[in-house]
């Protein structure tokens, strides 16, 4: 976990959350974002005696360092992706192939790590949308510097001149990069579903019905809540399905049964999200996967289940109580 800086570093710590959100959008991994921000704050702490507030605000200076750290990291990594970016939909069947490296995947992130604790509700809603899995995966299609420009201009609302100064380039160059980035995202056709509105009665009812059907292992009721073209994937496997019928077939497979599993709410990627827990040998429930949902037209349109729960627990923390079922919808920032 990230270490807290002392002394002059106390002036830097308040920026940790927003910097982590920025780095997460760039890198597509909560773990890498934490590492990037820790490196950013350490570099800033070591160079603090050379910081000139006449040249740049503390916030701008930190973003400049964070940008350089992330660009360095991106030089040695491949583009992270979702299963849909890697192959066509599977036809079903018992085999889901071999797991792929963690570095292949856009990874989930806790809301609390990348979103402010308070602020303008409309601004928070925008920030929540820009950490959704589909949006972060779409960002990975951009060259790193275009990614920086689009996030700073369209997500964080920096002025073109501020971005140009940070990247040591011209406003014209920033404007051109932004246009190319927007064009690429339009071609990628980002479809993250509807915004998650935890206070919306319709969404709350849908998610409560989904949890009830899942925990009762009522496949008929569960499938009835899925969009006709719903998708389902399970990183770290590239296997994924499209269509309510194929998902139903997979859920009915006795070798992949989720009977006895439970869902425990967690705040992740600005989306409806749950720990899926299963009973261990002693009957006590343990995390099996992290489930993120998308909602569209009043139905579930995507189910992404990250199966490497043990690796994600240090980032998210274990479920507060996985010994009994919970159908509460998590409170989101």
C-alpha atoms as a PDB file:
ATOM      1  CA  UNK A   1       0.000   0.000   0.000  1.00  0.00           C
ATOM      2  CA  UNK A   2       1.066   3.593  -0.486  1.00  0.00           C
ATOM      3  CA  UNK A   3       3.247   5.176   2.168  1.00  0.00           C
ATOM      4  CA  UNK A   4       2.323   8.572   3.592  1.00  0.00           C
ATOM      5  CA  UNK A   5       4.972  11.266   3.273  1.00  0.00           C
ATOM      6  CA  UNK A   6       5.949  13.461   6.211  1.00  0.00           C
ATOM      7  CA  UNK A   7       7.360  16.976   6.567  1.00  0.00           C
ATOM      8  CA  UNK A   8       7.044  18.941   3.331  1.00  0.00           C
ATOM      9  CA  UNK A   9       5.298  15.878   1.965  1.00  0.00           C
ATOM     10  CA  UNK A  10       2.236  16.806   3.994  1.00  0.00           C
ATOM     11  CA  UNK A  11       1.581  19.487   1.358  1.00  0.00           C
ATOM     12  CA  UNK A  12       1.662  16.804  -1.314  1.00  0.00           C
ATOM     13  CA  UNK A  13      -0.594  14.182   0.284  1.00  0.00           C
ATOM     14  CA  UNK A  14      -3.906  15.997  -0.444  1.00  0.00           C
ATOM     15  CA  UNK A  15      -3.261  15.468  -4.161  1.00  0.00           C
ATOM     16  CA  UNK A  16      -2.844  11.693  -3.887  1.00  0.00           C
ATOM     17  CA  UNK A  17      -6.453  10.788  -4.745  1.00  0.00           C
ATOM     18  CA  UNK A  18      -6.849  12.917  -7.856  1.00  0.00           C
ATOM     19  CA  UNK A  19      -3.379  11.952  -9.088  1.00  0.00           C
ATOM     20  CA  UNK A  20      -4.283   8.275  -8.655  1.00  0.00           C
ATOM     21  CA  UNK A  21      -7.417   8.801 -10.740  1.00  0.00           C
ATOM     22  CA  UNK A  22      -5.359  10.507 -13.429  1.00  0.00           C
ATOM     23  CA  UNK A  23      -2.738   7.754 -13.470  1.00  0.00           C
ATOM     24  CA  UNK A  24      -5.389   5.027 -13.454  1.00  0.00           C
ATOM     25  CA  UNK A  25      -7.011   6.404 -16.584  1.00  0.00           C
ATOM     26  CA  UNK A  26      -3.600   6.514 -18.246  1.00  0.00           C
ATOM     27  CA  UNK A  27      -2.358   3.109 -17.117  1.00  0.00           C
ATOM     28  CA  UNK A  28      -5.528   1.019 -16.772  1.00  0.00           C
ATOM     29  CA  UNK A  29      -4.398  -0.623 -13.530  1.00  0.00           C
ATOM     30  CA  UNK A  30      -5.094   0.354  -9.940  1.00  0.00           C
ATOM     31  CA  UNK A  31      -1.858  -1.234  -8.751  1.00  0.00           C
ATOM     32  CA  UNK A  32       0.227   0.581 -11.367  1.00  0.00           C
ATOM     33  CA  UNK A  33      -1.581   3.849 -10.624  1.00  0.00           C
ATOM     34  CA  UNK A  34      -0.685   3.554  -6.945  1.00  0.00           C
ATOM     35  CA  UNK A  35       2.940   2.841  -7.854  1.00  0.00           C
ATOM     36  CA  UNK A  36       3.024   5.811 -10.253  1.00  0.00           C
ATOM     37  CA  UNK A  37       1.609   8.210  -7.670  1.00  0.00           C
ATOM     38  CA  UNK A  38       3.965   6.993  -4.972  1.00  0.00           C
ATOM     39  CA  UNK A  39       6.892   7.580  -7.336  1.00  0.00           C
ATOM     40  CA  UNK A  40       5.463  11.008  -8.236  1.00  0.00           C
ATOM     41  CA  UNK A  41       5.188  12.111  -4.620  1.00  0.00           C
ATOM     42  CA  UNK A  42       8.638  10.797  -3.760  1.00  0.00           C
ATOM     43  CA  UNK A  43      10.198  12.688  -6.682  1.00  0.00           C
ATOM     44  CA  UNK A  44       8.325  15.834  -5.669  1.00  0.00           C
ATOM     45  CA  UNK A  45       9.336  15.453  -2.027  1.00  0.00           C
ATOM     46  CA  UNK A  46      12.996  15.043  -2.962  1.00  0.00           C
ATOM     47  CA  UNK A  47      12.894  18.057  -5.306  1.00  0.00           C
ATOM     48  CA  UNK A  48      10.674  20.255  -3.161  1.00  0.00           C
ATOM     49  CA  UNK A  49      13.453  22.691  -2.343  1.00  0.00           C
ATOM     50  CA  UNK A  50      13.727  23.401  -6.085  1.00  0.00           C
ATOM     51  CA  UNK A  51       9.996  23.914  -6.642  1.00  0.00           C
ATOM     52  CA  UNK A  52       9.232  27.456  -7.869  1.00  0.00           C
ATOM     53  CA  UNK A  53       5.630  28.463  -7.219  1.00  0.00           C
ATOM     54  CA  UNK A  54       6.113  31.441  -9.564  1.00  0.00           C
ATOM     55  CA  UNK A  55       6.458  29.068 -12.507  1.00  0.00           C
ATOM     56  CA  UNK A  56       3.608  26.664 -11.765  1.00  0.00           C
ATOM     57  CA  UNK A  57       1.050  25.846  -9.102  1.00  0.00           C
ATOM     58  CA  UNK A  58       1.828  22.895  -6.863  1.00  0.00           C
ATOM     59  CA  UNK A  59      -0.985  20.934  -8.515  1.00  0.00           C
ATOM     60  CA  UNK A  60       0.341  21.602 -12.031  1.00  0.00           C
ATOM     61  CA  UNK A  61       3.868  20.689 -10.962  1.00  0.00           C
ATOM     62  CA  UNK A  62       2.672  17.368  -9.531  1.00  0.00           C
ATOM     63  CA  UNK A  63       0.676  16.556 -12.644  1.00  0.00           C
ATOM     64  CA  UNK A  64       3.760  17.239 -14.736  1.00  0.00           C
ATOM     65  CA  UNK A  65       5.791  14.782 -12.675  1.00  0.00           C
ATOM     66  CA  UNK A  66       2.982  12.208 -12.742  1.00  0.00           C
ATOM     67  CA  UNK A  67       2.667  12.530 -16.518  1.00  0.00           C
ATOM     68  CA  UNK A  68       6.374  11.863 -17.003  1.00  0.00           C
ATOM     69  CA  UNK A  69       6.248   8.874 -14.636  1.00  0.00           C
ATOM     70  CA  UNK A  70       3.288   7.370 -16.510  1.00  0.00           C
ATOM     71  CA  UNK A  71       4.765   8.012 -19.954  1.00  0.00           C
ATOM     72  CA  UNK A  72       7.928   6.236 -18.823  1.00  0.00           C
ATOM     73  CA  UNK A  73       5.860   3.277 -17.597  1.00  0.00           C
ATOM     74  CA  UNK A  74       3.866   3.126 -20.832  1.00  0.00           C
ATOM     75  CA  UNK A  75       7.009   2.843 -22.958  1.00  0.00           C
ATOM     76  CA  UNK A  76       7.617  -0.682 -21.710  1.00  0.00           C
ATOM     77  CA  UNK A  77       4.044  -2.016 -21.577  1.00  0.00           C
ATOM     78  CA  UNK A  78       1.474  -3.163 -24.105  1.00  0.00           C
ATOM     79  CA  UNK A  79      -2.024  -1.794 -24.345  1.00  0.00           C
ATOM     80  CA  UNK A  80      -4.330  -3.197 -21.673  1.00  0.00           C
ATOM     81  CA  UNK A  81      -7.647  -4.555 -22.892  1.00  0.00           C
ATOM     82  CA  UNK A  82     -10.958  -6.184 -22.096  1.00  0.00           C
ATOM     83  CA  UNK A  83     -11.804  -9.645 -23.419  1.00  0.00           C
ATOM     84  CA  UNK A  84     -13.891  -8.111 -26.216  1.00  0.00           C
ATOM     85  CA  UNK A  85     -10.764  -6.349 -27.520  1.00  0.00           C
ATOM     86  CA  UNK A  86      -8.810  -9.609 -27.794  1.00  0.00           C
ATOM     87  CA  UNK A  87     -11.041 -12.013 -29.702  1.00  0.00           C
ATOM     88  CA  UNK A  88     -14.501 -12.689 -31.034  1.00  0.00           C
ATOM     89  CA  UNK A  89     -17.272 -14.022 -28.831  1.00  0.00           C
ATOM     90  CA  UNK A  90     -17.097 -17.723 -27.997  1.00  0.00           C
ATOM     91  CA  UNK A  91     -19.749 -20.178 -29.160  1.00  0.00           C
ATOM     92  CA  UNK A  92     -20.068 -21.669 -25.690  1.00  0.00           C
ATOM     93  CA  UNK A  93     -18.817 -25.062 -24.650  1.00  0.00           C
ATOM     94  CA  UNK A  94     -16.950 -26.234 -21.558  1.00  0.00           C
ATOM     95  CA  UNK A  95     -13.450 -24.957 -22.406  1.00  0.00           C
ATOM     96  CA  UNK A  96     -12.536 -21.364 -21.604  1.00  0.00           C
ATOM     97  CA  UNK A  97      -8.866 -21.652 -22.519  1.00  0.00           C
ATOM     98  CA  UNK A  98      -5.808 -20.699 -20.487  1.00  0.00           C
ATOM     99  CA  UNK A  99      -5.507 -17.633 -18.246  1.00  0.00           C
ATOM    100  CA  UNK A 100      -3.560 -14.713 -19.664  1.00  0.00           C
ATOM    101  CA  UNK A 101      -1.038 -12.483 -17.913  1.00  0.00           C
ATOM    102  CA  UNK A 102      -2.330  -9.809 -15.534  1.00  0.00           C
ATOM    103  CA  UNK A 103      -0.609  -7.222 -17.713  1.00  0.00           C
ATOM    104  CA  UNK A 104      -3.011  -7.985 -20.573  1.00  0.00           C
ATOM    105  CA  UNK A 105      -6.090  -6.702 -18.782  1.00  0.00           C
ATOM    106  CA  UNK A 106      -7.632  -3.394 -17.875  1.00  0.00           C
ATOM    107  CA  UNK A 107      -7.809  -3.875 -14.136  1.00  0.00           C
ATOM    108  CA  UNK A 108     -10.524  -2.669 -11.727  1.00  0.00           C
ATOM    109  CA  UNK A 109      -9.981   0.066  -9.162  1.00  0.00           C
ATOM    110  CA  UNK A 110     -11.751   0.997  -5.899  1.00  0.00           C
ATOM    111  CA  UNK A 111     -13.806   4.183  -6.126  1.00  0.00           C
ATOM    112  CA  UNK A 112     -12.292   5.423  -2.883  1.00  0.00           C
ATOM    113  CA  UNK A 113      -8.811   5.340  -4.386  1.00  0.00           C
ATOM    114  CA  UNK A 114      -9.566   7.589  -7.359  1.00  0.00           C
ATOM    115  CA  UNK A 115     -12.659   9.677  -6.573  1.00  0.00           C
ATOM    116  CA  UNK A 116     -12.887  12.651  -4.194  1.00  0.00           C
ATOM    117  CA  UNK A 117     -14.716  12.146  -0.924  1.00  0.00           C
ATOM    118  CA  UNK A 118     -17.011  15.076  -1.652  1.00  0.00           C
ATOM    119  CA  UNK A 119     -17.580  17.800  -4.199  1.00  0.00           C
ATOM    120  CA  UNK A 120     -20.070  18.931  -6.789  1.00  0.00           C
ATOM    121  CA  UNK A 121     -22.462  16.035  -7.576  1.00  0.00           C
ATOM    122  CA  UNK A 122     -22.398  16.717 -11.325  1.00  0.00           C
ATOM    123  CA  UNK A 123     -18.591  16.779 -11.372  1.00  0.00           C
ATOM    124  CA  UNK A 124     -18.470  13.553  -9.370  1.00  0.00           C
ATOM    125  CA  UNK A 125     -20.876  11.940 -11.826  1.00  0.00           C
ATOM    126  CA  UNK A 126     -18.552  12.841 -14.718  1.00  0.00           C
ATOM    127  CA  UNK A 127     -15.495  11.533 -12.892  1.00  0.00           C
ATOM    128  CA  UNK A 128     -17.341   8.311 -12.065  1.00  0.00           C
ATOM    129  CA  UNK A 129     -18.185   7.768 -15.734  1.00  0.00           C
ATOM    130  CA  UNK A 130     -14.540   8.195 -16.759  1.00  0.00           C
ATOM    131  CA  UNK A 131     -13.332   5.321 -14.582  1.00  0.00           C
ATOM    132  CA  UNK A 132     -15.836   2.849 -16.030  1.00  0.00           C
ATOM    133  CA  UNK A 133     -14.139  -0.213 -17.513  1.00  0.00           C
ATOM    134  CA  UNK A 134     -15.349   0.463 -21.057  1.00  0.00           C
ATOM    135  CA  UNK A 135     -14.064   4.043 -21.037  1.00  0.00           C
ATOM    136  CA  UNK A 136     -10.681   3.132 -19.547  1.00  0.00           C
ATOM    137  CA  UNK A 137     -10.347   0.314 -22.101  1.00  0.00           C
ATOM    138  CA  UNK A 138     -11.168   2.747 -24.906  1.00  0.00           C
ATOM    139  CA  UNK A 139      -8.467   5.126 -23.667  1.00  0.00           C
ATOM    140  CA  UNK A 140      -5.929   2.334 -24.137  1.00  0.00           C
ATOM    141  CA  UNK A 141      -6.433   2.622 -27.921  1.00  0.00           C
ATOM    142  CA  UNK A 142      -4.815   6.074 -27.847  1.00  0.00           C
ATOM    143  CA  UNK A 143      -1.074   6.725 -28.068  1.00  0.00           C
ATOM    144  CA  UNK A 144       0.171   7.755 -24.610  1.00  0.00           C
ATOM    145  CA  UNK A 145       0.520  11.494 -25.292  1.00  0.00           C
ATOM    146  CA  UNK A 146      -2.929  11.645 -26.916  1.00  0.00           C
ATOM    147  CA  UNK A 147      -4.244   9.835 -23.863  1.00  0.00           C
ATOM    148  CA  UNK A 148      -2.709  12.531 -21.651  1.00  0.00           C
ATOM    149  CA  UNK A 149      -4.218  15.317 -23.742  1.00  0.00           C
ATOM    150  CA  UNK A 150      -7.705  13.846 -23.818  1.00  0.00           C
ATOM    151  CA  UNK A 151      -7.802  13.136 -20.077  1.00  0.00           C
ATOM    152  CA  UNK A 152      -6.521  16.583 -19.137  1.00  0.00           C
ATOM    153  CA  UNK A 153      -8.772  18.427 -21.594  1.00  0.00           C
ATOM    154  CA  UNK A 154     -12.012  16.421 -21.662  1.00  0.00           C
ATOM    155  CA  UNK A 155     -12.014  14.741 -18.236  1.00  0.00           C
ATOM    156  CA  UNK A 156     -10.193  17.166 -15.952  1.00  0.00           C
ATOM    157  CA  UNK A 157     -11.133  20.287 -17.968  1.00  0.00           C
ATOM    158  CA  UNK A 158      -7.685  21.841 -18.239  1.00  0.00           C
ATOM    159  CA  UNK A 159      -7.270  24.689 -20.692  1.00  0.00           C
ATOM    160  CA  UNK A 160      -5.318  24.004 -23.876  1.00  0.00           C
ATOM    161  CA  UNK A 161      -2.582  26.408 -22.805  1.00  0.00           C
ATOM    162  CA  UNK A 162      -2.153  24.581 -19.488  1.00  0.00           C
ATOM    163  CA  UNK A 163      -1.793  21.229 -21.257  1.00  0.00           C
ATOM    164  CA  UNK A 164       0.640  22.717 -23.760  1.00  0.00           C
ATOM    165  CA  UNK A 165       2.785  24.070 -20.923  1.00  0.00           C
ATOM    166  CA  UNK A 166       2.766  20.724 -19.120  1.00  0.00           C
ATOM    167  CA  UNK A 167       3.794  18.828 -22.261  1.00  0.00           C
ATOM    168  CA  UNK A 168       6.198  21.588 -23.370  1.00  0.00           C
ATOM    169  CA  UNK A 169       4.498  21.911 -26.740  1.00  0.00           C
ATOM    170  CA  UNK A 170       2.186  24.330 -28.562  1.00  0.00           C
ATOM    171  CA  UNK A 171      -1.534  24.941 -28.189  1.00  0.00           C
ATOM    172  CA  UNK A 172      -1.928  23.991 -31.851  1.00  0.00           C
ATOM    173  CA  UNK A 173      -0.252  20.656 -31.183  1.00  0.00           C
ATOM    174  CA  UNK A 174      -2.519  20.008 -28.190  1.00  0.00           C
ATOM    175  CA  UNK A 175      -5.616  20.888 -30.209  1.00  0.00           C
ATOM    176  CA  UNK A 176      -4.557  18.569 -33.024  1.00  0.00           C
ATOM    177  CA  UNK A 177      -3.836  15.718 -30.596  1.00  0.00           C
ATOM    178  CA  UNK A 178      -7.211  16.200 -28.933  1.00  0.00           C
ATOM    179  CA  UNK A 179      -9.045  16.045 -32.261  1.00  0.00           C
ATOM    180  CA  UNK A 180      -7.246  12.829 -33.217  1.00  0.00           C
ATOM    181  CA  UNK A 181      -7.951  11.314 -29.798  1.00  0.00           C
ATOM    182  CA  UNK A 182     -11.655  12.154 -29.976  1.00  0.00           C
ATOM    183  CA  UNK A 183     -11.854  10.695 -33.481  1.00  0.00           C
ATOM    184  CA  UNK A 184     -10.252   7.443 -32.314  1.00  0.00           C
ATOM    185  CA  UNK A 185     -12.626   7.110 -29.355  1.00  0.00           C
ATOM    186  CA  UNK A 186     -15.578   7.707 -31.634  1.00  0.00           C
ATOM    187  CA  UNK A 187     -14.359   4.896 -33.907  1.00  0.00           C
ATOM    188  CA  UNK A 188     -13.878   2.605 -30.897  1.00  0.00           C
ATOM    189  CA  UNK A 189     -17.561   3.254 -30.074  1.00  0.00           C
ATOM    190  CA  UNK A 190     -17.433   3.367 -26.289  1.00  0.00           C
ATOM    191  CA  UNK A 191     -20.593   1.792 -24.844  1.00  0.00           C
ATOM    192  CA  UNK A 192     -20.303   1.698 -21.037  1.00  0.00           C
ATOM    193  CA  UNK A 193     -24.040   1.479 -20.438  1.00  0.00           C
ATOM    194  CA  UNK A 194     -26.066   3.937 -18.402  1.00  0.00           C
ATOM    195  CA  UNK A 195     -24.529   6.035 -15.625  1.00  0.00           C
ATOM    196  CA  UNK A 196     -24.725   4.280 -12.275  1.00  0.00           C
ATOM    197  CA  UNK A 197     -27.263   6.090 -10.075  1.00  0.00           C
ATOM    198  CA  UNK A 198     -27.334   4.400  -6.652  1.00  0.00           C
ATOM    199  CA  UNK A 199     -30.296   6.507  -5.551  1.00  0.00           C
ATOM    200  CA  UNK A 200     -32.391   5.651  -8.625  1.00  0.00           C
ATOM    201  CA  UNK A 201     -35.267   3.353  -7.552  1.00  0.00           C
ATOM    202  CA  UNK A 202     -35.347   1.561 -10.907  1.00  0.00           C
ATOM    203  CA  UNK A 203     -31.658   0.698 -10.856  1.00  0.00           C
ATOM    204  CA  UNK A 204     -31.783  -0.299  -7.194  1.00  0.00           C
ATOM    205  CA  UNK A 205     -34.693  -2.647  -7.865  1.00  0.00           C
ATOM    206  CA  UNK A 206     -32.960  -4.198 -10.887  1.00  0.00           C
ATOM    207  CA  UNK A 207     -29.754  -4.830  -8.962  1.00  0.00           C
ATOM    208  CA  UNK A 208     -31.640  -6.184  -5.942  1.00  0.00           C
ATOM    209  CA  UNK A 209     -33.518  -8.607  -8.210  1.00  0.00           C
ATOM    210  CA  UNK A 210     -30.234  -9.628  -9.839  1.00  0.00           C
ATOM    211  CA  UNK A 211     -28.622 -10.328  -6.459  1.00  0.00           C
ATOM    212  CA  UNK A 212     -31.664 -12.298  -5.282  1.00  0.00           C
ATOM    213  CA  UNK A 213     -31.751 -14.428  -8.430  1.00  0.00           C
ATOM    214  CA  UNK A 214     -27.993 -15.004  -8.278  1.00  0.00           C
ATOM    215  CA  UNK A 215     -27.955 -16.058  -4.634  1.00  0.00           C
ATOM    216  CA  UNK A 216     -30.943 -18.367  -5.142  1.00  0.00           C
ATOM    217  CA  UNK A 217     -29.233 -19.781  -8.230  1.00  0.00           C
ATOM    218  CA  UNK A 218     -32.433 -19.063 -10.120  1.00  0.00           C
ATOM    219  CA  UNK A 219     -31.029 -19.079 -13.653  1.00  0.00           C
ATOM    220  CA  UNK A 220     -34.402 -18.405 -15.274  1.00  0.00           C
ATOM    221  CA  UNK A 221     -34.961 -15.265 -13.185  1.00  0.00           C
ATOM    222  CA  UNK A 222     -31.351 -14.177 -13.645  1.00  0.00           C
ATOM    223  CA  UNK A 223     -31.385 -14.505 -17.420  1.00  0.00           C
ATOM    224  CA  UNK A 224     -34.665 -12.603 -17.600  1.00  0.00           C
ATOM    225  CA  UNK A 225     -32.801  -9.571 -16.227  1.00  0.00           C
ATOM    226  CA  UNK A 226     -30.208  -9.648 -19.022  1.00  0.00           C
ATOM    227  CA  UNK A 227     -30.286  -7.551 -22.165  1.00  0.00           C
ATOM    228  CA  UNK A 228     -30.777  -9.628 -25.313  1.00  0.00           C
ATOM    229  CA  UNK A 229     -27.231  -8.734 -26.452  1.00  0.00           C
ATOM    230  CA  UNK A 230     -25.661  -8.864 -22.992  1.00  0.00           C
ATOM    231  CA  UNK A 231     -21.995  -9.822 -22.723  1.00  0.00           C
ATOM    232  CA  UNK A 232     -20.174 -11.835 -20.071  1.00  0.00           C
ATOM    233  CA  UNK A 233     -16.419 -12.168 -19.543  1.00  0.00           C
ATOM    234  CA  UNK A 234     -14.104 -13.554 -16.875  1.00  0.00           C
ATOM    235  CA  UNK A 235     -10.568 -12.133 -16.848  1.00  0.00           C
ATOM    236  CA  UNK A 236      -7.886 -13.483 -16.838  1.00  0.00           C
ATOM    237  CA  UNK A 237      -9.492 -15.678 -19.530  1.00  0.00           C
ATOM    238  CA  UNK A 238      -9.960 -14.269 -23.035  1.00  0.00           C
ATOM    239  CA  UNK A 239     -13.172 -16.321 -23.381  1.00  0.00           C
ATOM    240  CA  UNK A 240     -16.345 -14.231 -23.451  1.00  0.00           C
ATOM    241  CA  UNK A 241     -19.955 -14.581 -24.526  1.00  0.00           C
ATOM    242  CA  UNK A 242     -22.513 -12.389 -26.251  1.00  0.00           C
ATOM    243  CA  UNK A 243     -26.247 -12.978 -26.079  1.00  0.00           C
ATOM    244  CA  UNK A 244     -28.730 -13.950 -23.416  1.00  0.00           C
ATOM    245  CA  UNK A 245     -29.092 -17.537 -24.738  1.00  0.00           C
ATOM    246  CA  UNK A 246     -25.376 -18.307 -24.676  1.00  0.00           C
ATOM    247  CA  UNK A 247     -24.983 -16.815 -21.212  1.00  0.00           C
ATOM    248  CA  UNK A 248     -27.882 -18.957 -20.000  1.00  0.00           C
ATOM    249  CA  UNK A 249     -26.223 -22.049 -21.458  1.00  0.00           C
ATOM    250  CA  UNK A 250     -22.993 -21.216 -19.604  1.00  0.00           C
ATOM    251  CA  UNK A 251     -24.801 -20.565 -16.312  1.00  0.00           C
ATOM    252  CA  UNK A 252     -26.600 -23.925 -16.570  1.00  0.00           C
ATOM    253  CA  UNK A 253     -23.329 -25.840 -16.969  1.00  0.00           C
ATOM    254  CA  UNK A 254     -23.090 -27.990 -13.807  1.00  0.00           C
ATOM    255  CA  UNK A 255     -19.290 -27.828 -13.936  1.00  0.00           C
ATOM    256  CA  UNK A 256     -19.398 -24.025 -13.633  1.00  0.00           C
ATOM    257  CA  UNK A 257     -22.236 -23.768 -11.152  1.00  0.00           C
ATOM    258  CA  UNK A 258     -22.423 -20.728  -8.847  1.00  0.00           C
ATOM    259  CA  UNK A 259     -24.844 -22.490  -6.503  1.00  0.00           C
ATOM    260  CA  UNK A 260     -24.181 -21.375  -2.934  1.00  0.00           C
ATOM    261  CA  UNK A 261     -22.338 -18.217  -3.990  1.00  0.00           C
ATOM    262  CA  UNK A 262     -23.218 -14.798  -2.579  1.00  0.00           C
ATOM    263  CA  UNK A 263     -22.755 -11.189  -3.620  1.00  0.00           C
ATOM    264  CA  UNK A 264     -21.290  -8.576  -1.277  1.00  0.00           C
ATOM    265  CA  UNK A 265     -21.378  -4.937  -2.452  1.00  0.00           C
ATOM    266  CA  UNK A 266     -18.138  -3.072  -3.163  1.00  0.00           C
ATOM    267  CA  UNK A 267     -17.517   0.346  -4.744  1.00  0.00           C
ATOM    268  CA  UNK A 268     -15.490  -0.165  -7.937  1.00  0.00           C
ATOM    269  CA  UNK A 269     -15.057   1.714 -11.227  1.00  0.00           C
ATOM    270  CA  UNK A 270     -18.103   3.923 -10.675  1.00  0.00           C
ATOM    271  CA  UNK A 271     -20.291   0.902 -11.478  1.00  0.00           C
ATOM    272  CA  UNK A 272     -22.558  -1.589  -9.728  1.00  0.00           C
ATOM    273  CA  UNK A 273     -20.009  -4.003  -8.268  1.00  0.00           C
ATOM    274  CA  UNK A 274     -19.896  -6.959  -5.910  1.00  0.00           C
ATOM    275  CA  UNK A 275     -17.522  -9.444  -4.400  1.00  0.00           C
ATOM    276  CA  UNK A 276     -18.700 -12.918  -5.370  1.00  0.00           C
ATOM    277  CA  UNK A 277     -17.994 -15.213  -2.441  1.00  0.00           C
ATOM    278  CA  UNK A 278     -18.191 -18.989  -2.218  1.00  0.00           C
ATOM    279  CA  UNK A 279     -18.157 -21.335   0.781  1.00  0.00           C
ATOM    280  CA  UNK A 280     -14.741 -22.729   1.625  1.00  0.00           C
ATOM    281  CA  UNK A 281     -14.033 -26.196   3.047  1.00  0.00           C
ATOM    282  CA  UNK A 282     -15.081 -25.015   6.509  1.00  0.00           C
ATOM    283  CA  UNK A 283     -18.274 -23.442   5.207  1.00  0.00           C
ATOM    284  CA  UNK A 284     -17.041 -19.871   5.663  1.00  0.00           C
ATOM    285  CA  UNK A 285     -17.474 -17.742   2.554  1.00  0.00           C
ATOM    286  CA  UNK A 286     -14.326 -16.454   0.870  1.00  0.00           C
ATOM    287  CA  UNK A 287     -13.932 -14.095  -2.119  1.00  0.00           C
ATOM    288  CA  UNK A 288     -13.970 -15.888  -5.467  1.00  0.00           C
ATOM    289  CA  UNK A 289     -14.235 -12.980  -7.911  1.00  0.00           C
ATOM    290  CA  UNK A 290     -14.981  -9.290  -8.330  1.00  0.00           C
ATOM    291  CA  UNK A 291     -18.108  -8.664 -10.416  1.00  0.00           C
ATOM    292  CA  UNK A 292     -18.756  -5.397 -12.280  1.00  0.00           C
ATOM    293  CA  UNK A 293     -22.066  -4.809 -14.026  1.00  0.00           C
ATOM    294  CA  UNK A 294     -23.332  -2.454 -16.704  1.00  0.00           C
ATOM    295  CA  UNK A 295     -26.979  -1.471 -17.022  1.00  0.00           C
ATOM    296  CA  UNK A 296     -28.747  -0.469 -20.230  1.00  0.00           C
ATOM    297  CA  UNK A 297     -32.447   0.118 -20.908  1.00  0.00           C
ATOM    298  CA  UNK A 298     -33.419  -1.246 -17.521  1.00  0.00           C
ATOM    299  CA  UNK A 299     -31.535  -4.541 -17.952  1.00  0.00           C
ATOM    300  CA  UNK A 300     -28.044  -5.893 -17.231  1.00  0.00           C
ATOM    301  CA  UNK A 301     -25.980  -5.391 -20.390  1.00  0.00           C
ATOM    302  CA  UNK A 302     -22.535  -6.625 -19.271  1.00  0.00           C
ATOM    303  CA  UNK A 303     -21.091  -8.846 -16.550  1.00  0.00           C
ATOM    304  CA  UNK A 304     -17.326  -8.754 -16.018  1.00  0.00           C
ATOM    305  CA  UNK A 305     -16.011 -11.076 -13.314  1.00  0.00           C
ATOM    306  CA  UNK A 306     -12.356 -10.775 -12.332  1.00  0.00           C
ATOM    307  CA  UNK A 307     -11.483 -14.227 -11.046  1.00  0.00           C
ATOM    308  CA  UNK A 308      -8.120 -13.381  -9.449  1.00  0.00           C
ATOM    309  CA  UNK A 309      -9.719 -12.352  -6.157  1.00  0.00           C
ATOM    310  CA  UNK A 310      -6.656 -13.069  -3.995  1.00  0.00           C
ATOM    311  CA  UNK A 311      -4.594 -10.595  -6.000  1.00  0.00           C
ATOM    312  CA  UNK A 312      -7.271  -7.891  -5.802  1.00  0.00           C
ATOM    313  CA  UNK A 313      -7.942  -8.121  -2.063  1.00  0.00           C
ATOM    314  CA  UNK A 314      -4.852  -6.039  -1.099  1.00  0.00           C
ATOM    315  CA  UNK A 315      -6.193  -3.206  -3.286  1.00  0.00           C
ATOM    316  CA  UNK A 316      -9.886  -3.419  -2.383  1.00  0.00           C
ATOM    317  CA  UNK A 317      -9.789  -4.992   1.051  1.00  0.00           C
ATOM    318  CA  UNK A 318     -11.685  -8.196   1.825  1.00  0.00           C
ATOM    319  CA  UNK A 319     -15.491  -8.087   2.051  1.00  0.00           C
ATOM    320  CA  UNK A 320     -16.534  -6.662   5.409  1.00  0.00           C
ATOM    321  CA  UNK A 321     -18.668  -9.702   6.112  1.00  0.00           C
ATOM    322  CA  UNK A 322     -18.926 -12.507   3.614  1.00  0.00           C
ATOM    323  CA  UNK A 323     -20.576 -14.922   6.034  1.00  0.00           C
ATOM    324  CA  UNK A 324     -24.095 -13.894   5.101  1.00  0.00           C
ATOM    325  CA  UNK A 325     -25.785 -12.610   1.937  1.00  0.00           C
ATOM    326  CA  UNK A 326     -26.209  -8.905   1.308  1.00  0.00           C
ATOM    327  CA  UNK A 327     -28.440  -7.237  -1.241  1.00  0.00           C
ATOM    328  CA  UNK A 328     -27.688  -3.669  -0.318  1.00  0.00           C
ATOM    329  CA  UNK A 329     -26.390  -1.523  -3.171  1.00  0.00           C
ATOM    330  CA  UNK A 330     -23.004   0.012  -2.265  1.00  0.00           C
ATOM    331  CA  UNK A 331     -22.764   3.705  -1.471  1.00  0.00           C
ATOM    332  CA  UNK A 332     -20.805   5.457  -4.219  1.00  0.00           C
ATOM    333  CA  UNK A 333     -18.983   8.708  -4.035  1.00  0.00           C
END
